[in-house]
Amino acid sequence: MSNRLSKRLRDQQIEALKIQQQYMTVVRDRHRAWDKDSDDMEIHRIRNEILDLIEKTIAQYDHLLEALRGPSEGD
């Protein structure tokens, strides 16, 4: 029963992380669209930094999801 509960918890975590990753993708896309709305170089620089951080965050979500999925397949 403990394994079943553990698997269910892990599945819930995976689903929540997928949703969060999707949200980050929406945020990234909005920043890309907004970047075209300004000619201010400082705004472009800041948005590019934000975009870089969001891309890194999305990649980390991928790594975390892989790690969470990996061990559960062996159970």
PDB file of N, CA and C in Angstrom:
ATOM      1  N   MET A   1       0.823  -1.186   0.000  1.00  0.00           N
ATOM      2  CA  MET A   1       0.000   0.000   0.000  1.00  0.00           C
ATOM      3  C   MET A   1       0.872   1.257   0.000  1.00  0.00           C
ATOM      4  N   SER A   2       1.982   1.208   0.671  1.00  0.00           N
ATOM      5  CA  SER A   2       2.892   2.348   0.720  1.00  0.00           C
ATOM      6  C   SER A   2       3.441   2.660  -0.671  1.00  0.00           C
ATOM      7  N   ASN A   3       3.767   1.615  -1.451  1.00  0.00           N
ATOM      8  CA  ASN A   3       4.258   1.832  -2.813  1.00  0.00           C
ATOM      9  C   ASN A   3       3.195   2.488  -3.682  1.00  0.00           C
ATOM     10  N   ARG A   4       1.965   2.062  -3.495  1.00  0.00           N
ATOM     11  CA  ARG A   4       0.860   2.612  -4.269  1.00  0.00           C
ATOM     12  C   ARG A   4       0.678   4.099  -3.947  1.00  0.00           C
ATOM     13  N   LEU A   5       0.732   4.434  -2.653  1.00  0.00           N
ATOM     14  CA  LEU A   5       0.610   5.823  -2.225  1.00  0.00           C
ATOM     15  C   LEU A   5       1.789   6.647  -2.739  1.00  0.00           C
ATOM     16  N   SER A   6       2.983   6.091  -2.659  1.00  0.00           N
ATOM     17  CA  SER A   6       4.176   6.773  -3.135  1.00  0.00           C
ATOM     18  C   SER A   6       4.083   7.032  -4.641  1.00  0.00           C
ATOM     19  N   LYS A   7       3.612   6.054  -5.386  1.00  0.00           N
ATOM     20  CA  LYS A   7       3.465   6.216  -6.840  1.00  0.00           C
ATOM     21  C   LYS A   7       2.422   7.285  -7.152  1.00  0.00           C
ATOM     22  N   ARG A   8       1.336   7.283  -6.409  1.00  0.00           N
ATOM     23  CA  ARG A   8       0.289   8.280  -6.633  1.00  0.00           C
ATOM     24  C   ARG A   8       0.824   9.684  -6.341  1.00  0.00           C
ATOM     25  N   LEU A   9       1.567   9.832  -5.265  1.00  0.00           N
ATOM     26  CA  LEU A   9       2.152  11.125  -4.919  1.00  0.00           C
ATOM     27  C   LEU A   9       3.122  11.581  -6.007  1.00  0.00           C
ATOM     28  N   ARG A  10       3.945  10.670  -6.464  1.00  0.00           N
ATOM     29  CA  ARG A  10       4.899  10.999  -7.529  1.00  0.00           C
ATOM     30  C   ARG A  10       4.160  11.399  -8.802  1.00  0.00           C
ATOM     31  N   ASP A  11       3.098  10.681  -9.139  1.00  0.00           N
ATOM     32  CA  ASP A  11       2.307  11.020 -10.326  1.00  0.00           C
ATOM     33  C   ASP A  11       1.689  12.409 -10.190  1.00  0.00           C
ATOM     34  N   GLN A  12       1.225  12.757  -9.001  1.00  0.00           N
ATOM     35  CA  GLN A  12       0.662  14.086  -8.762  1.00  0.00           C
ATOM     36  C   GLN A  12       1.732  15.158  -8.900  1.00  0.00           C
ATOM     37  N   GLN A  13       2.924  14.878  -8.387  1.00  0.00           N
ATOM     38  CA  GLN A  13       4.027  15.834  -8.517  1.00  0.00           C
ATOM     39  C   GLN A  13       4.389  16.042  -9.983  1.00  0.00           C
ATOM     40  N   ILE A  14       4.457  14.958 -10.723  1.00  0.00           N
ATOM     41  CA  ILE A  14       4.789  15.040 -12.145  1.00  0.00           C
ATOM     42  C   ILE A  14       3.746  15.875 -12.882  1.00  0.00           C
ATOM     43  N   GLU A  15       2.473  15.628 -12.601  1.00  0.00           N
ATOM     44  CA  GLU A  15       1.408  16.378 -13.262  1.00  0.00           C
ATOM     45  C   GLU A  15       1.488  17.868 -12.911  1.00  0.00           C
ATOM     46  N   ALA A  16       1.732  18.180 -11.646  1.00  0.00           N
ATOM     47  CA  ALA A  16       1.861  19.582 -11.222  1.00  0.00           C
ATOM     48  C   ALA A  16       3.054  20.246 -11.897  1.00  0.00           C
ATOM     49  N   LEU A  17       4.165  19.538 -11.993  1.00  0.00           N
ATOM     50  CA  LEU A  17       5.355  20.098 -12.643  1.00  0.00           C
ATOM     51  C   LEU A  17       5.120  20.335 -14.127  1.00  0.00           C
ATOM     52  N   LYS A  18       4.398  19.453 -14.776  1.00  0.00           N
ATOM     53  CA  LYS A  18       4.067  19.649 -16.195  1.00  0.00           C
ATOM     54  C   LYS A  18       3.252  20.921 -16.380  1.00  0.00           C
ATOM     55  N   ILE A  19       2.276  21.135 -15.492  1.00  0.00           N
ATOM     56  CA  ILE A  19       1.439  22.332 -15.564  1.00  0.00           C
ATOM     57  C   ILE A  19       2.286  23.581 -15.340  1.00  0.00           C
ATOM     58  N   GLN A  20       3.172  23.531 -14.360  1.00  0.00           N
ATOM     59  CA  GLN A  20       4.042  24.673 -14.087  1.00  0.00           C
ATOM     60  C   GLN A  20       4.958  24.961 -15.278  1.00  0.00           C
ATOM     61  N   GLN A  21       5.456  23.896 -15.894  1.00  0.00           N
ATOM     62  CA  GLN A  21       6.325  24.068 -17.052  1.00  0.00           C
ATOM     63  C   GLN A  21       5.543  24.697 -18.216  1.00  0.00           C
ATOM     64  N   GLN A  22       4.312  24.267 -18.402  1.00  0.00           N
ATOM     65  CA  GLN A  22       3.476  24.856 -19.447  1.00  0.00           C
ATOM     66  C   GLN A  22       3.235  26.344 -19.179  1.00  0.00           C
ATOM     67  N   TYR A  23       3.014  26.680 -17.915  1.00  0.00           N
ATOM     68  CA  TYR A  23       2.822  28.072 -17.544  1.00  0.00           C
ATOM     69  C   TYR A  23       4.077  28.882 -17.865  1.00  0.00           C
ATOM     70  N   MET A  24       5.233  28.350 -17.545  1.00  0.00           N
ATOM     71  CA  MET A  24       6.488  29.054 -17.836  1.00  0.00           C
ATOM     72  C   MET A  24       6.651  29.264 -19.345  1.00  0.00           C
ATOM     73  N   THR A  25       6.190  28.320 -20.132  1.00  0.00           N
ATOM     74  CA  THR A  25       6.247  28.454 -21.585  1.00  0.00           C
ATOM     75  C   THR A  25       5.366  29.610 -22.050  1.00  0.00           C
ATOM     76  N   VAL A  26       4.202  29.754 -21.447  1.00  0.00           N
ATOM     77  CA  VAL A  26       3.308  30.876 -21.774  1.00  0.00           C
ATOM     78  C   VAL A  26       3.970  32.200 -21.394  1.00  0.00           C
ATOM     79  N   VAL A  27       4.577  32.251 -20.208  1.00  0.00           N
ATOM     80  CA  VAL A  27       5.268  33.460 -19.759  1.00  0.00           C
ATOM     81  C   VAL A  27       6.389  33.815 -20.736  1.00  0.00           C
ATOM     82  N   ARG A  28       7.157  32.812 -21.149  1.00  0.00           N
ATOM     83  CA  ARG A  28       8.238  33.047 -22.111  1.00  0.00           C
ATOM     84  C   ARG A  28       7.701  33.616 -23.420  1.00  0.00           C
ATOM     85  N   ASP A  29       6.627  33.024 -23.918  1.00  0.00           N
ATOM     86  CA  ASP A  29       6.049  33.489 -25.184  1.00  0.00           C
ATOM     87  C   ASP A  29       5.529  34.920 -25.075  1.00  0.00           C
ATOM     88  N   ARG A  30       4.948  35.263 -23.928  1.00  0.00           N
ATOM     89  CA  ARG A  30       4.477  36.640 -23.731  1.00  0.00           C
ATOM     90  C   ARG A  30       5.646  37.618 -23.728  1.00  0.00           C
ATOM     91  N   HIS A  31       6.728  37.274 -23.059  1.00  0.00           N
ATOM     92  CA  HIS A  31       7.890  38.162 -23.031  1.00  0.00           C
ATOM     93  C   HIS A  31       8.477  38.326 -24.426  1.00  0.00           C
ATOM     94  N   ARG A  32       8.476  37.270 -25.209  1.00  0.00           N
ATOM     95  CA  ARG A  32       8.968  37.382 -26.591  1.00  0.00           C
ATOM     96  C   ARG A  32       8.104  38.346 -27.397  1.00  0.00           C
ATOM     97  N   ALA A  33       6.789  38.232 -27.231  1.00  0.00           N
ATOM     98  CA  ALA A  33       5.879  39.119 -27.958  1.00  0.00           C
ATOM     99  C   ALA A  33       6.041  40.561 -27.493  1.00  0.00           C
ATOM    100  N   TRP A  34       6.172  40.770 -26.199  1.00  0.00           N
ATOM    101  CA  TRP A  34       6.321  42.121 -25.657  1.00  0.00           C
ATOM    102  C   TRP A  34       7.640  42.746 -26.076  1.00  0.00           C
ATOM    103  N   ASP A  35       8.653  41.944 -26.315  1.00  0.00           N
ATOM    104  CA  ASP A  35       9.963  42.464 -26.677  1.00  0.00           C
ATOM    105  C   ASP A  35       9.902  43.251 -27.981  1.00  0.00           C
ATOM    106  N   LYS A  36       8.944  42.936 -28.816  1.00  0.00           N
ATOM    107  CA  LYS A  36       8.804  43.612 -30.103  1.00  0.00           C
ATOM    108  C   LYS A  36       8.084  44.953 -29.967  1.00  0.00           C
ATOM    109  N   ASP A  37       7.528  45.224 -28.774  1.00  0.00           N
ATOM    110  CA  ASP A  37       6.731  46.432 -28.568  1.00  0.00           C
ATOM    111  C   ASP A  37       7.541  47.650 -28.153  1.00  0.00           C
ATOM    112  N   SER A  38       8.820  47.514 -27.959  1.00  0.00           N
ATOM    113  CA  SER A  38       9.612  48.633 -27.458  1.00  0.00           C
ATOM    114  C   SER A  38      10.920  48.760 -28.230  1.00  0.00           C
ATOM    115  N   ASP A  39      11.317  50.002 -28.408  1.00  0.00           N
ATOM    116  CA  ASP A  39      12.607  50.271 -29.050  1.00  0.00           C
ATOM    117  C   ASP A  39      13.688  50.582 -28.022  1.00  0.00           C
ATOM    118  N   ASP A  40      13.326  50.573 -26.750  1.00  0.00           N
ATOM    119  CA  ASP A  40      14.252  50.903 -25.667  1.00  0.00           C
ATOM    120  C   ASP A  40      15.238  49.746 -25.474  1.00  0.00           C
ATOM    121  N   MET A  41      16.522  50.042 -25.628  1.00  0.00           N
ATOM    122  CA  MET A  41      17.554  49.000 -25.533  1.00  0.00           C
ATOM    123  C   MET A  41      17.644  48.402 -24.132  1.00  0.00           C
ATOM    124  N   GLU A  42      17.413  49.212 -23.105  1.00  0.00           N
ATOM    125  CA  GLU A  42      17.459  48.701 -21.731  1.00  0.00           C
ATOM    126  C   GLU A  42      16.327  47.702 -21.491  1.00  0.00           C
ATOM    127  N   ILE A  43      15.165  48.003 -22.017  1.00  0.00           N
ATOM    128  CA  ILE A  43      14.035  47.074 -21.888  1.00  0.00           C
ATOM    129  C   ILE A  43      14.346  45.778 -22.628  1.00  0.00           C
ATOM    130  N   HIS A  44      14.912  45.882 -23.815  1.00  0.00           N
ATOM    131  CA  HIS A  44      15.302  44.678 -24.570  1.00  0.00           C
ATOM    132  C   HIS A  44      16.310  43.843 -23.776  1.00  0.00           C
ATOM    133  N   ARG A  45      17.279  44.504 -23.180  1.00  0.00           N
ATOM    134  CA  ARG A  45      18.302  43.794 -22.409  1.00  0.00           C
ATOM    135  C   ARG A  45      17.682  43.056 -21.225  1.00  0.00           C
ATOM    136  N   ILE A  46      16.818  43.732 -20.509  1.00  0.00           N
ATOM    137  CA  ILE A  46      16.173  43.105 -19.350  1.00  0.00           C
ATOM    138  C   ILE A  46      15.292  41.941 -19.790  1.00  0.00           C
ATOM    139  N   ARG A  47      14.524  42.151 -20.834  1.00  0.00           N
ATOM    140  CA  ARG A  47      13.654  41.060 -21.313  1.00  0.00           C
ATOM    141  C   ARG A  47      14.474  39.870 -21.795  1.00  0.00           C
ATOM    142  N   ASN A  48      15.589  40.138 -22.449  1.00  0.00           N
ATOM    143  CA  ASN A  48      16.447  39.036 -22.892  1.00  0.00           C
ATOM    144  C   ASN A  48      17.005  38.255 -21.711  1.00  0.00           C
ATOM    145  N   GLU A  49      17.356  38.957 -20.634  1.00  0.00           N
ATOM    146  CA  GLU A  49      17.812  38.270 -19.425  1.00  0.00           C
ATOM    147  C   GLU A  49      16.698  37.407 -18.842  1.00  0.00           C
ATOM    148  N   ILE A  50      15.498  37.967 -18.809  1.00  0.00           N
ATOM    149  CA  ILE A  50      14.346  37.211 -18.301  1.00  0.00           C
ATOM    150  C   ILE A  50      14.094  35.995 -19.181  1.00  0.00           C
ATOM    151  N   LEU A  51      14.122  36.184 -20.499  1.00  0.00           N
ATOM    152  CA  LEU A  51      13.911  35.063 -21.417  1.00  0.00           C
ATOM    153  C   LEU A  51      14.953  33.967 -21.201  1.00  0.00           C
ATOM    154  N   ASP A  52      16.198  34.367 -20.994  1.00  0.00           N
ATOM    155  CA  ASP A  52      17.258  33.396 -20.747  1.00  0.00           C
ATOM    156  C   ASP A  52      16.982  32.599 -19.465  1.00  0.00           C
ATOM    157  N   LEU A  53      16.575  33.287 -18.422  1.00  0.00           N
ATOM    158  CA  LEU A  53      16.266  32.609 -17.157  1.00  0.00           C
ATOM    159  C   LEU A  53      15.063  31.675 -17.302  1.00  0.00           C
ATOM    160  N   ILE A  54      14.064  32.121 -18.036  1.00  0.00           N
ATOM    161  CA  ILE A  54      12.893  31.270 -18.243  1.00  0.00           C
ATOM    162  C   ILE A  54      13.278  30.019 -19.028  1.00  0.00           C
ATOM    163  N   GLU A  55      14.093  30.185 -20.073  1.00  0.00           N
ATOM    164  CA  GLU A  55      14.548  29.021 -20.853  1.00  0.00           C
ATOM    165  C   GLU A  55      15.304  28.028 -19.965  1.00  0.00           C
ATOM    166  N   LYS A  56      16.172  28.558 -19.108  1.00  0.00           N
ATOM    167  CA  LYS A  56      16.917  27.686 -18.195  1.00  0.00           C
ATOM    168  C   LYS A  56      15.972  26.987 -17.220  1.00  0.00           C
ATOM    169  N   THR A  57      14.964  27.703 -16.758  1.00  0.00           N
ATOM    170  CA  THR A  57      13.990  27.120 -15.833  1.00  0.00           C
ATOM    171  C   THR A  57      13.204  26.001 -16.514  1.00  0.00           C
ATOM    172  N   ILE A  58      12.772  26.232 -17.735  1.00  0.00           N
ATOM    173  CA  ILE A  58      12.043  25.204 -18.482  1.00  0.00           C
ATOM    174  C   ILE A  58      12.918  23.972 -18.676  1.00  0.00           C
ATOM    175  N   ALA A  59      14.187  24.175 -18.985  1.00  0.00           N
ATOM    176  CA  ALA A  59      15.112  23.047 -19.147  1.00  0.00           C
ATOM    177  C   ALA A  59      15.271  22.286 -17.835  1.00  0.00           C
ATOM    178  N   GLN A  60      15.324  23.003 -16.717  1.00  0.00           N
ATOM    179  CA  GLN A  60      15.444  22.342 -15.412  1.00  0.00           C
ATOM    180  C   GLN A  60      14.182  21.535 -15.099  1.00  0.00           C
ATOM    181  N   TYR A  61      13.026  22.045 -15.491  1.00  0.00           N
ATOM    182  CA  TYR A  61      11.797  21.268 -15.328  1.00  0.00           C
ATOM    183  C   TYR A  61      11.910  19.951 -16.100  1.00  0.00           C
ATOM    184  N   ASP A  62      12.455  20.006 -17.318  1.00  0.00           N
ATOM    185  CA  ASP A  62      12.652  18.776 -18.097  1.00  0.00           C
ATOM    186  C   ASP A  62      13.529  17.787 -17.342  1.00  0.00           C
ATOM    187  N   HIS A  63      14.626  18.265 -16.777  1.00  0.00           N
ATOM    188  CA  HIS A  63      15.541  17.384 -16.030  1.00  0.00           C
ATOM    189  C   HIS A  63      14.852  16.795 -14.796  1.00  0.00           C
ATOM    190  N   LEU A  64      14.112  17.634 -14.098  1.00  0.00           N
ATOM    191  CA  LEU A  64      13.412  17.151 -12.909  1.00  0.00           C
ATOM    192  C   LEU A  64      12.351  16.123 -13.265  1.00  0.00           C
ATOM    193  N   LEU A  65      11.603  16.375 -14.320  1.00  0.00           N
ATOM    194  CA  LEU A  65      10.578  15.410 -14.746  1.00  0.00           C
ATOM    195  C   LEU A  65      11.212  14.083 -15.156  1.00  0.00           C
ATOM    196  N   GLU A  66      12.328  14.135 -15.857  1.00  0.00           N
ATOM    197  CA  GLU A  66      13.031  12.905 -16.230  1.00  0.00           C
ATOM    198  C   GLU A  66      13.467  12.141 -14.982  1.00  0.00           C
ATOM    199  N   ALA A  67      14.007  12.862 -14.009  1.00  0.00           N
ATOM    200  CA  ALA A  67      14.475  12.211 -12.778  1.00  0.00           C
ATOM    201  C   ALA A  67      13.309  11.591 -12.010  1.00  0.00           C
ATOM    202  N   LEU A  68      12.188  12.269 -11.966  1.00  0.00           N
ATOM    203  CA  LEU A  68      11.029  11.738 -11.248  1.00  0.00           C
ATOM    204  C   LEU A  68      10.426  10.526 -11.961  1.00  0.00           C
ATOM    205  N   ARG A  69      10.457  10.534 -13.274  1.00  0.00           N
ATOM    206  CA  ARG A  69       9.899   9.411 -14.031  1.00  0.00           C
ATOM    207  C   ARG A  69      10.811   8.198 -13.986  1.00  0.00           C
ATOM    208  N   GLY A  70      12.116   8.419 -14.028  1.00  0.00           N
ATOM    209  CA  GLY A  70      13.091   7.326 -14.103  1.00  0.00           C
ATOM    210  C   GLY A  70      12.960   6.294 -13.004  1.00  0.00           C
ATOM    211  N   PRO A  71      13.102   6.663 -11.745  1.00  0.00           N
ATOM    212  CA  PRO A  71      13.063   5.682 -10.665  1.00  0.00           C
ATOM    213  C   PRO A  71      11.715   4.970 -10.533  1.00  0.00           C
ATOM    214  N   SER A  72      10.618   5.651 -10.873  1.00  0.00           N
ATOM    215  CA  SER A  72       9.309   5.020 -10.691  1.00  0.00           C
ATOM    216  C   SER A  72       9.099   3.864 -11.663  1.00  0.00           C
ATOM    217  N   GLU A  73       9.771   3.877 -12.812  1.00  0.00           N
ATOM    218  CA  GLU A  73       9.630   2.798 -13.768  1.00  0.00           C
ATOM    219  C   GLU A  73      10.269   1.512 -13.264  1.00  0.00           C
ATOM    220  N   GLY A  74      11.226   1.627 -12.372  1.00  0.00           N
ATOM    221  CA  GLY A  74      11.902   0.447 -11.842  1.00  0.00           C
ATOM    222  C   GLY A  74      11.165  -0.167 -10.656  1.00  0.00           C
ATOM    223  N   ASP A  75      10.200   0.565 -10.075  1.00  0.00           N
ATOM    224  CA  ASP A  75       9.460   0.059  -8.895  1.00  0.00           C
ATOM    225  C   ASP A  75       8.575  -1.112  -9.227  1.00  0.00           C
TER     226      ASP A  75
END
